[in-house]
Amino acid sequence: MAVYQYEAMSATGEEIKDLINAEDEKEAQALVRRKGLFVTKIAEKRDRAIEDEPVVGHLFRFKAGLKDSGVEIDIGVFWILTGMVIASWLLYIFLSG
């Protein structure tokens, strides 16, 4: 059974957004209509954590480097290490000054 996200209009013109469980899109539309609603938009809801890459994920999943030479570094790791170096440098300056 899949989860469908829908937008519908009530008889009073109120816009409703909700989720519904159904075997397929046709059944989902029928279930929404049984509630007395007019379906304006319906689509299977995809699990963002599994199927879509999170916004931050682009930073951590992008690889940069020379693939032919076997040199490749994860950009997320690079920025974390760079931040650690800068933080320790600033700490050294403030404590020694």
PDB file of N, CA and C in Angstrom:
ATOM      1  N   MET A   1       0.844  -1.171   0.000  1.00  0.00           N
ATOM      2  CA  MET A   1       0.000   0.000   0.000  1.00  0.00           C
ATOM      3  C   MET A   1       0.889   1.233   0.000  1.00  0.00           C
ATOM      4  N   ALA A   2       0.517   2.211  -0.806  1.00  0.00           N
ATOM      5  CA  ALA A   2       1.303   3.431  -0.944  1.00  0.00           C
ATOM      6  C   ALA A   2       0.601   4.598  -0.247  1.00  0.00           C
ATOM      7  N   VAL A   3       1.348   5.632  -0.012  1.00  0.00           N
ATOM      8  CA  VAL A   3       0.809   6.853   0.575  1.00  0.00           C
ATOM      9  C   VAL A   3       0.727   7.900  -0.530  1.00  0.00           C
ATOM     10  N   TYR A   4      -0.439   8.529  -0.654  1.00  0.00           N
ATOM     11  CA  TYR A   4      -0.645   9.557  -1.659  1.00  0.00           C
ATOM     12  C   TYR A   4      -0.900  10.892  -0.984  1.00  0.00           C
ATOM     13  N   GLN A   5      -0.273  11.904  -1.522  1.00  0.00           N
ATOM     14  CA  GLN A   5      -0.464  13.263  -1.030  1.00  0.00           C
ATOM     15  C   GLN A   5      -1.429  13.929  -1.999  1.00  0.00           C
ATOM     16  N   TYR A   6      -2.474  14.544  -1.465  1.00  0.00           N
ATOM     17  CA  TYR A   6      -3.458  15.151  -2.358  1.00  0.00           C
ATOM     18  C   TYR A   6      -3.824  16.553  -1.931  1.00  0.00           C
ATOM     19  N   GLU A   7      -4.302  17.299  -2.915  1.00  0.00           N
ATOM     20  CA  GLU A   7      -4.907  18.599  -2.681  1.00  0.00           C
ATOM     21  C   GLU A   7      -6.314  18.486  -3.242  1.00  0.00           C
ATOM     22  N   ALA A   8      -7.277  18.999  -2.507  1.00  0.00           N
ATOM     23  CA  ALA A   8      -8.669  18.891  -2.921  1.00  0.00           C
ATOM     24  C   ALA A   8      -9.441  20.119  -2.477  1.00  0.00           C
ATOM     25  N   MET A   9     -10.621  20.265  -3.065  1.00  0.00           N
ATOM     26  CA  MET A   9     -11.524  21.359  -2.700  1.00  0.00           C
ATOM     27  C   MET A   9     -12.778  20.754  -2.098  1.00  0.00           C
ATOM     28  N   SER A  10     -13.244  21.378  -1.022  1.00  0.00           N
ATOM     29  CA  SER A  10     -14.498  20.933  -0.415  1.00  0.00           C
ATOM     30  C   SER A  10     -15.661  21.608  -1.154  1.00  0.00           C
ATOM     31  N   ALA A  11     -16.874  21.230  -0.801  1.00  0.00           N
ATOM     32  CA  ALA A  11     -18.061  21.824  -1.413  1.00  0.00           C
ATOM     33  C   ALA A  11     -18.169  23.315  -1.105  1.00  0.00           C
ATOM     34  N   THR A  12     -17.555  23.741  -0.014  1.00  0.00           N
ATOM     35  CA  THR A  12     -17.589  25.158   0.361  1.00  0.00           C
ATOM     36  C   THR A  12     -16.445  25.956  -0.262  1.00  0.00           C
ATOM     37  N   GLY A  13     -15.569  25.283  -1.012  1.00  0.00           N
ATOM     38  CA  GLY A  13     -14.444  25.957  -1.660  1.00  0.00           C
ATOM     39  C   GLY A  13     -13.169  25.979  -0.844  1.00  0.00           C
ATOM     40  N   GLU A  14     -13.184  25.303   0.279  1.00  0.00           N
ATOM     41  CA  GLU A  14     -12.006  25.243   1.142  1.00  0.00           C
ATOM     42  C   GLU A  14     -10.963  24.316   0.518  1.00  0.00           C
ATOM     43  N   GLU A  15      -9.693  24.766   0.485  1.00  0.00           N
ATOM     44  CA  GLU A  15      -8.610  23.948  -0.049  1.00  0.00           C
ATOM     45  C   GLU A  15      -8.081  23.042   1.059  1.00  0.00           C
ATOM     46  N   ILE A  16      -7.983  21.762   0.752  1.00  0.00           N
ATOM     47  CA  ILE A  16      -7.539  20.778   1.746  1.00  0.00           C
ATOM     48  C   ILE A  16      -6.331  20.037   1.197  1.00  0.00           C
ATOM     49  N   LYS A  17      -5.296  19.897   2.027  1.00  0.00           N
ATOM     50  CA  LYS A  17      -4.100  19.129   1.687  1.00  0.00           C
ATOM     51  C   LYS A  17      -3.962  18.044   2.740  1.00  0.00           C
ATOM     52  N   ASP A  18      -3.793  16.794   2.287  1.00  0.00           N
ATOM     53  CA  ASP A  18      -3.708  15.697   3.243  1.00  0.00           C
ATOM     54  C   ASP A  18      -3.046  14.494   2.587  1.00  0.00           C
ATOM     55  N   LEU A  19      -2.893  13.435   3.364  1.00  0.00           N
ATOM     56  CA  LEU A  19      -2.338  12.168   2.900  1.00  0.00           C
ATOM     57  C   LEU A  19      -3.401  11.091   3.001  1.00  0.00           C
ATOM     58  N   ILE A  20      -3.291  10.084   2.124  1.00  0.00           N
ATOM     59  CA  ILE A  20      -4.227   8.957   2.165  1.00  0.00           C
ATOM     60  C   ILE A  20      -3.496   7.696   1.725  1.00  0.00           C
ATOM     61  N   ASN A  21      -3.832   6.573   2.339  1.00  0.00           N
ATOM     62  CA  ASN A  21      -3.251   5.281   1.964  1.00  0.00           C
ATOM     63  C   ASN A  21      -4.141   4.620   0.926  1.00  0.00           C
ATOM     64  N   ALA A  22      -3.522   4.092  -0.143  1.00  0.00           N
ATOM     65  CA  ALA A  22      -4.273   3.405  -1.192  1.00  0.00           C
ATOM     66  C   ALA A  22      -3.339   2.494  -1.972  1.00  0.00           C
ATOM     67  N   GLU A  23      -3.944   1.544  -2.668  1.00  0.00           N
ATOM     68  CA  GLU A  23      -3.157   0.613  -3.488  1.00  0.00           C
ATOM     69  C   GLU A  23      -2.572   1.297  -4.722  1.00  0.00           C
ATOM     70  N   ASP A  24      -3.352   2.198  -5.338  1.00  0.00           N
ATOM     71  CA  ASP A  24      -2.890   2.920  -6.514  1.00  0.00           C
ATOM     72  C   ASP A  24      -3.551   4.294  -6.560  1.00  0.00           C
ATOM     73  N   GLU A  25      -3.157   5.089  -7.540  1.00  0.00           N
ATOM     74  CA  GLU A  25      -3.661   6.465  -7.638  1.00  0.00           C
ATOM     75  C   GLU A  25      -5.169   6.514  -7.871  1.00  0.00           C
ATOM     76  N   LYS A  26      -5.662   5.586  -8.654  1.00  0.00           N
ATOM     77  CA  LYS A  26      -7.102   5.538  -8.946  1.00  0.00           C
ATOM     78  C   LYS A  26      -7.915   5.325  -7.660  1.00  0.00           C
ATOM     79  N   GLU A  27      -7.454   4.386  -6.829  1.00  0.00           N
ATOM     80  CA  GLU A  27      -8.133   4.124  -5.562  1.00  0.00           C
ATOM     81  C   GLU A  27      -8.027   5.334  -4.630  1.00  0.00           C
ATOM     82  N   ALA A  28      -6.861   5.990  -4.633  1.00  0.00           N
ATOM     83  CA  ALA A  28      -6.667   7.169  -3.791  1.00  0.00           C
ATOM     84  C   ALA A  28      -7.657   8.264  -4.178  1.00  0.00           C
ATOM     85  N   GLN A  29      -7.830   8.482  -5.484  1.00  0.00           N
ATOM     86  CA  GLN A  29      -8.794   9.490  -5.934  1.00  0.00           C
ATOM     87  C   GLN A  29     -10.207   9.123  -5.498  1.00  0.00           C
ATOM     88  N   ALA A  30     -10.548   7.852  -5.611  1.00  0.00           N
ATOM     89  CA  ALA A  30     -11.888   7.404  -5.217  1.00  0.00           C
ATOM     90  C   ALA A  30     -12.121   7.618  -3.718  1.00  0.00           C
ATOM     91  N   LEU A  31     -11.112   7.315  -2.900  1.00  0.00           N
ATOM     92  CA  LEU A  31     -11.240   7.499  -1.453  1.00  0.00           C
ATOM     93  C   LEU A  31     -11.417   8.969  -1.081  1.00  0.00           C
ATOM     94  N   VAL A  32     -10.701   9.842  -1.779  1.00  0.00           N
ATOM     95  CA  VAL A  32     -10.830  11.274  -1.512  1.00  0.00           C
ATOM     96  C   VAL A  32     -12.215  11.755  -1.935  1.00  0.00           C
ATOM     97  N   ARG A  33     -12.702  11.284  -3.094  1.00  0.00           N
ATOM     98  CA  ARG A  33     -14.042  11.677  -3.550  1.00  0.00           C
ATOM     99  C   ARG A  33     -15.126  11.195  -2.592  1.00  0.00           C
ATOM    100  N   ARG A  34     -14.913  10.026  -1.972  1.00  0.00           N
ATOM    101  CA  ARG A  34     -15.881   9.514  -0.997  1.00  0.00           C
ATOM    102  C   ARG A  34     -16.005  10.423   0.221  1.00  0.00           C
ATOM    103  N   LYS A  35     -14.975  11.213   0.463  1.00  0.00           N
ATOM    104  CA  LYS A  35     -15.020  12.172   1.565  1.00  0.00           C
ATOM    105  C   LYS A  35     -15.789  13.427   1.161  1.00  0.00           C
ATOM    106  N   GLY A  36     -16.273  13.458  -0.093  1.00  0.00           N
ATOM    107  CA  GLY A  36     -17.018  14.614  -0.571  1.00  0.00           C
ATOM    108  C   GLY A  36     -16.124  15.734  -1.075  1.00  0.00           C
ATOM    109  N   LEU A  37     -14.914  15.370  -1.482  1.00  0.00           N
ATOM    110  CA  LEU A  37     -13.945  16.362  -1.942  1.00  0.00           C
ATOM    111  C   LEU A  37     -13.691  16.209  -3.443  1.00  0.00           C
ATOM    112  N   PHE A  38     -13.302  17.319  -4.079  1.00  0.00           N
ATOM    113  CA  PHE A  38     -12.940  17.320  -5.491  1.00  0.00           C
ATOM    114  C   PHE A  38     -11.418  17.364  -5.566  1.00  0.00           C
ATOM    115  N   VAL A  39     -10.813  16.324  -6.130  1.00  0.00           N
ATOM    116  CA  VAL A  39      -9.355  16.214  -6.201  1.00  0.00           C
ATOM    117  C   VAL A  39      -8.818  17.199  -7.242  1.00  0.00           C
ATOM    118  N   THR A  40      -7.874  18.041  -6.822  1.00  0.00           N
ATOM    119  CA  THR A  40      -7.224  18.965  -7.754  1.00  0.00           C
ATOM    120  C   THR A  40      -5.800  18.531  -8.091  1.00  0.00           C
ATOM    121  N   LYS A  41      -5.189  17.780  -7.177  1.00  0.00           N
ATOM    122  CA  LYS A  41      -3.817  17.312  -7.392  1.00  0.00           C
ATOM    123  C   LYS A  41      -3.596  16.087  -6.527  1.00  0.00           C
ATOM    124  N   ILE A  42      -2.952  15.066  -7.112  1.00  0.00           N
ATOM    125  CA  ILE A  42      -2.652  13.869  -6.320  1.00  0.00           C
ATOM    126  C   ILE A  42      -1.378  13.231  -6.860  1.00  0.00           C
ATOM    127  N   ALA A  43      -0.544  12.764  -5.966  1.00  0.00           N
ATOM    128  CA  ALA A  43       0.712  12.119  -6.359  1.00  0.00           C
ATOM    129  C   ALA A  43       1.170  11.211  -5.237  1.00  0.00           C
ATOM    130  N   GLU A  44       1.872  10.161  -5.609  1.00  0.00           N
ATOM    131  CA  GLU A  44       2.408   9.250  -4.604  1.00  0.00           C
ATOM    132  C   GLU A  44       3.479   9.989  -3.817  1.00  0.00           C
ATOM    133  N   LYS A  45       3.389   9.899  -2.515  1.00  0.00           N
ATOM    134  CA  LYS A  45       4.367  10.561  -1.652  1.00  0.00           C
ATOM    135  C   LYS A  45       5.601   9.694  -1.575  1.00  0.00           C
ATOM    136  N   ARG A  46       6.716  10.279  -1.935  1.00  0.00           N
ATOM    137  CA  ARG A  46       7.980   9.564  -1.863  1.00  0.00           C
ATOM    138  C   ARG A  46       8.643   9.868  -0.540  1.00  0.00           C
ATOM    139  N   ASP A  47       9.330   8.887   0.012  1.00  0.00           N
ATOM    140  CA  ASP A  47      10.039   9.080   1.270  1.00  0.00           C
ATOM    141  C   ASP A  47      11.306   9.872   0.987  1.00  0.00           C
ATOM    142  N   ARG A  48      11.334  11.132   1.385  1.00  0.00           N
ATOM    143  CA  ARG A  48      12.445  12.031   1.084  1.00  0.00           C
ATOM    144  C   ARG A  48      13.780  11.497   1.617  1.00  0.00           C
ATOM    145  N   ALA A  49      13.742  10.889   2.766  1.00  0.00           N
ATOM    146  CA  ALA A  49      14.988  10.411   3.367  1.00  0.00           C
ATOM    147  C   ALA A  49      15.628   9.317   2.541  1.00  0.00           C
ATOM    148  N   ILE A  50      14.825   8.558   1.806  1.00  0.00           N
ATOM    149  CA  ILE A  50      15.361   7.453   1.024  1.00  0.00           C
ATOM    150  C   ILE A  50      15.576   7.834  -0.432  1.00  0.00           C
ATOM    151  N   GLU A  51      14.567   8.467  -1.053  1.00  0.00           N
ATOM    152  CA  GLU A  51      14.617   8.676  -2.484  1.00  0.00           C
ATOM    153  C   GLU A  51      15.220  10.008  -2.898  1.00  0.00           C
ATOM    154  N   ASP A  52      14.971  11.057  -2.148  1.00  0.00           N
ATOM    155  CA  ASP A  52      15.509  12.363  -2.476  1.00  0.00           C
ATOM    156  C   ASP A  52      16.732  12.608  -1.623  1.00  0.00           C
ATOM    157  N   GLU A  53      17.677  13.310  -2.201  1.00  0.00           N
ATOM    158  CA  GLU A  53      18.850  13.640  -1.435  1.00  0.00           C
ATOM    159  C   GLU A  53      18.573  14.897  -0.628  1.00  0.00           C
ATOM    160  N   PRO A  54      18.857  14.905   0.648  1.00  0.00           N
ATOM    161  CA  PRO A  54      18.625  16.111   1.426  1.00  0.00           C
ATOM    162  C   PRO A  54      19.495  17.256   0.907  1.00  0.00           C
ATOM    163  N   VAL A  55      19.092  18.474   1.204  1.00  0.00           N
ATOM    164  CA  VAL A  55      19.818  19.646   0.722  1.00  0.00           C
ATOM    165  C   VAL A  55      21.261  19.600   1.187  1.00  0.00           C
ATOM    166  N   VAL A  56      21.481  19.259   2.444  1.00  0.00           N
ATOM    167  CA  VAL A  56      22.840  19.191   2.982  1.00  0.00           C
ATOM    168  C   VAL A  56      23.599  18.026   2.361  1.00  0.00           C
ATOM    169  N   GLY A  57      22.882  17.019   1.906  1.00  0.00           N
ATOM    170  CA  GLY A  57      23.519  15.842   1.336  1.00  0.00           C
ATOM    171  C   GLY A  57      24.386  16.149   0.134  1.00  0.00           C
ATOM    172  N   HIS A  58      24.057  17.209  -0.599  1.00  0.00           N
ATOM    173  CA  HIS A  58      24.866  17.555  -1.768  1.00  0.00           C
ATOM    174  C   HIS A  58      26.285  17.918  -1.352  1.00  0.00           C
ATOM    175  N   LEU A  59      26.418  18.584  -0.227  1.00  0.00           N
ATOM    176  CA  LEU A  59      27.740  18.966   0.252  1.00  0.00           C
ATOM    177  C   LEU A  59      28.558  17.740   0.627  1.00  0.00           C
ATOM    178  N   PHE A  60      27.928  16.766   1.261  1.00  0.00           N
ATOM    179  CA  PHE A  60      28.669  15.626   1.773  1.00  0.00           C
ATOM    180  C   PHE A  60      28.806  14.490   0.774  1.00  0.00           C
ATOM    181  N   ARG A  61      28.000  14.475  -0.276  1.00  0.00           N
ATOM    182  CA  ARG A  61      28.081  13.374  -1.230  1.00  0.00           C
ATOM    183  C   ARG A  61      28.846  13.729  -2.491  1.00  0.00           C
ATOM    184  N   PHE A  62      29.130  15.013  -2.693  1.00  0.00           N
ATOM    185  CA  PHE A  62      29.862  15.432  -3.874  1.00  0.00           C
ATOM    186  C   PHE A  62      31.319  15.044  -3.704  1.00  0.00           C
ATOM    187  N   LYS A  63      31.874  14.430  -4.698  1.00  0.00           N
ATOM    188  CA  LYS A  63      33.276  14.033  -4.634  1.00  0.00           C
ATOM    189  C   LYS A  63      34.073  14.903  -5.597  1.00  0.00           C
ATOM    190  N   ALA A  64      35.231  15.296  -5.191  1.00  0.00           N
ATOM    191  CA  ALA A  64      36.097  16.085  -6.057  1.00  0.00           C
ATOM    192  C   ALA A  64      37.478  15.467  -6.045  1.00  0.00           C
ATOM    193  N   GLY A  65      38.132  15.527  -7.152  1.00  0.00           N
ATOM    194  CA  GLY A  65      39.491  15.009  -7.191  1.00  0.00           C
ATOM    195  C   GLY A  65      39.837  14.472  -8.557  1.00  0.00           C
ATOM    196  N   LEU A  66      40.990  13.898  -8.645  1.00  0.00           N
ATOM    197  CA  LEU A  66      41.475  13.325  -9.890  1.00  0.00           C
ATOM    198  C   LEU A  66      41.217  11.825  -9.846  1.00  0.00           C
ATOM    199  N   LYS A  67      40.147  11.392 -10.487  1.00  0.00           N
ATOM    200  CA  LYS A  67      39.767   9.982 -10.403  1.00  0.00           C
ATOM    201  C   LYS A  67      40.799   9.069 -11.067  1.00  0.00           C
ATOM    202  N   ASP A  68      41.452   9.563 -12.125  1.00  0.00           N
ATOM    203  CA  ASP A  68      42.438   8.736 -12.823  1.00  0.00           C
ATOM    204  C   ASP A  68      43.630   8.407 -11.937  1.00  0.00           C
ATOM    205  N   SER A  69      43.987   9.348 -11.053  1.00  0.00           N
ATOM    206  CA  SER A  69      45.156   9.119 -10.214  1.00  0.00           C
ATOM    207  C   SER A  69      44.789   8.452  -8.891  1.00  0.00           C
ATOM    208  N   GLY A  70      43.487   8.242  -8.660  1.00  0.00           N
ATOM    209  CA  GLY A  70      43.052   7.616  -7.420  1.00  0.00           C
ATOM    210  C   GLY A  70      42.935   8.603  -6.273  1.00  0.00           C
ATOM    211  N   VAL A  71      43.160   9.902  -6.540  1.00  0.00           N
ATOM    212  CA  VAL A  71      43.053  10.919  -5.504  1.00  0.00           C
ATOM    213  C   VAL A  71      41.627  11.457  -5.533  1.00  0.00           C
ATOM    214  N   GLU A  72      40.912  11.229  -4.460  1.00  0.00           N
ATOM    215  CA  GLU A  72      39.531  11.695  -4.374  1.00  0.00           C
ATOM    216  C   GLU A  72      39.242  12.025  -2.925  1.00  0.00           C
ATOM    217  N   ILE A  73      38.617  13.155  -2.683  1.00  0.00           N
ATOM    218  CA  ILE A  73      38.310  13.551  -1.309  1.00  0.00           C
ATOM    219  C   ILE A  73      36.843  13.948  -1.226  1.00  0.00           C
ATOM    220  N   ASP A  74      36.202  13.577  -0.152  1.00  0.00           N
ATOM    221  CA  ASP A  74      34.819  13.949   0.087  1.00  0.00           C
ATOM    222  C   ASP A  74      34.815  15.415   0.532  1.00  0.00           C
ATOM    223  N   ILE A  75      34.037  16.252  -0.170  1.00  0.00           N
ATOM    224  CA  ILE A  75      34.019  17.680   0.109  1.00  0.00           C
ATOM    225  C   ILE A  75      33.570  17.969   1.541  1.00  0.00           C
ATOM    226  N   GLY A  76      32.600  17.221   2.048  1.00  0.00           N
ATOM    227  CA  GLY A  76      32.148  17.422   3.424  1.00  0.00           C
ATOM    228  C   GLY A  76      33.273  17.218   4.418  1.00  0.00           C
ATOM    229  N   VAL A  77      34.051  16.169   4.240  1.00  0.00           N
ATOM    230  CA  VAL A  77      35.183  15.894   5.125  1.00  0.00           C
ATOM    231  C   VAL A  77      36.211  17.012   5.001  1.00  0.00           C
ATOM    232  N   PHE A  78      36.435  17.475   3.790  1.00  0.00           N
ATOM    233  CA  PHE A  78      37.375  18.567   3.560  1.00  0.00           C
ATOM    234  C   PHE A  78      36.993  19.798   4.372  1.00  0.00           C
ATOM    235  N   TRP A  79      35.707  20.202   4.323  1.00  0.00           N
ATOM    236  CA  TRP A  79      35.279  21.403   5.036  1.00  0.00           C
ATOM    237  C   TRP A  79      35.315  21.204   6.545  1.00  0.00           C
ATOM    238  N   ILE A  80      35.024  20.019   7.011  1.00  0.00           N
ATOM    239  CA  ILE A  80      35.098  19.752   8.450  1.00  0.00           C
ATOM    240  C   ILE A  80      36.543  19.877   8.932  1.00  0.00           C
ATOM    241  N   LEU A  81      37.459  19.275   8.184  1.00  0.00           N
ATOM    242  CA  LEU A  81      38.873  19.353   8.563  1.00  0.00           C
ATOM    243  C   LEU A  81      39.395  20.781   8.456  1.00  0.00           C
ATOM    244  N   THR A  82      38.979  21.495   7.422  1.00  0.00           N
ATOM    245  CA  THR A  82      39.393  22.889   7.270  1.00  0.00           C
ATOM    246  C   THR A  82      38.895  23.730   8.439  1.00  0.00           C
ATOM    247  N   GLY A  83      37.659  23.512   8.849  1.00  0.00           N
ATOM    248  CA  GLY A  83      37.107  24.232   9.995  1.00  0.00           C
ATOM    249  C   GLY A  83      37.874  23.942  11.267  1.00  0.00           C
ATOM    250  N   MET A  84      38.287  22.696  11.435  1.00  0.00           N
ATOM    251  CA  MET A  84      39.046  22.329  12.630  1.00  0.00           C
ATOM    252  C   MET A  84      40.408  23.020  12.642  1.00  0.00           C
ATOM    253  N   VAL A  85      41.038  23.105  11.491  1.00  0.00           N
ATOM    254  CA  VAL A  85      42.346  23.771  11.399  1.00  0.00           C
ATOM    255  C   VAL A  85      42.198  25.257  11.712  1.00  0.00           C
ATOM    256  N   ILE A  86      41.181  25.900  11.138  1.00  0.00           N
ATOM    257  CA  ILE A  86      40.964  27.327  11.380  1.00  0.00           C
ATOM    258  C   ILE A  86      40.633  27.577  12.850  1.00  0.00           C
ATOM    259  N   ALA A  87      39.798  26.724  13.445  1.00  0.00           N
ATOM    260  CA  ALA A  87      39.428  26.893  14.855  1.00  0.00           C
ATOM    261  C   ALA A  87      40.648  26.748  15.756  1.00  0.00           C
ATOM    262  N   SER A  88      41.508  25.771  15.485  1.00  0.00           N
ATOM    263  CA  SER A  88      42.690  25.605  16.329  1.00  0.00           C
ATOM    264  C   SER A  88      43.677  26.750  16.120  1.00  0.00           C
ATOM    265  N   TRP A  89      43.761  27.286  14.899  1.00  0.00           N
ATOM    266  CA  TRP A  89      44.627  28.431  14.642  1.00  0.00           C
ATOM    267  C   TRP A  89      44.126  29.654  15.410  1.00  0.00           C
ATOM    268  N   LEU A  90      42.805  29.903  15.388  1.00  0.00           N
ATOM    269  CA  LEU A  90      42.245  31.039  16.119  1.00  0.00           C
ATOM    270  C   LEU A  90      42.427  30.867  17.631  1.00  0.00           C
ATOM    271  N   LEU A  91      42.246  29.664  18.114  1.00  0.00           N
ATOM    272  CA  LEU A  91      42.429  29.377  19.533  1.00  0.00           C
ATOM    273  C   LEU A  91      43.878  29.656  19.941  1.00  0.00           C
ATOM    274  N   TYR A  92      44.833  29.259  19.114  1.00  0.00           N
ATOM    275  CA  TYR A  92      46.239  29.500  19.388  1.00  0.00           C
ATOM    276  C   TYR A  92      46.546  30.996  19.449  1.00  0.00           C
ATOM    277  N   ILE A  93      45.964  31.759  18.508  1.00  0.00           N
ATOM    278  CA  ILE A  93      46.209  33.201  18.462  1.00  0.00           C
ATOM    279  C   ILE A  93      45.656  33.881  19.724  1.00  0.00           C
ATOM    280  N   PHE A  94      44.421  33.527  20.098  1.00  0.00           N
ATOM    281  CA  PHE A  94      43.794  34.173  21.252  1.00  0.00           C
ATOM    282  C   PHE A  94      44.441  33.767  22.577  1.00  0.00           C
ATOM    283  N   LEU A  95      44.901  32.528  22.689  1.00  0.00           N
ATOM    284  CA  LEU A  95      45.502  32.100  23.946  1.00  0.00           C
ATOM    285  C   LEU A  95      46.942  32.565  24.078  1.00  0.00           C
ATOM    286  N   SER A  96      47.650  32.726  22.969  1.00  0.00           N
ATOM    287  CA  SER A  96      49.049  33.140  23.059  1.00  0.00           C
ATOM    288  C   SER A  96      49.206  34.657  23.027  1.00  0.00           C
ATOM    289  N   GLY A  97      48.195  35.364  22.603  1.00  0.00           N
ATOM    290  CA  GLY A  97      48.309  36.820  22.440  1.00  0.00           C
ATOM    291  C   GLY A  97      48.003  37.565  23.657  1.00  0.00           C
TER     292      GLY A  97
END
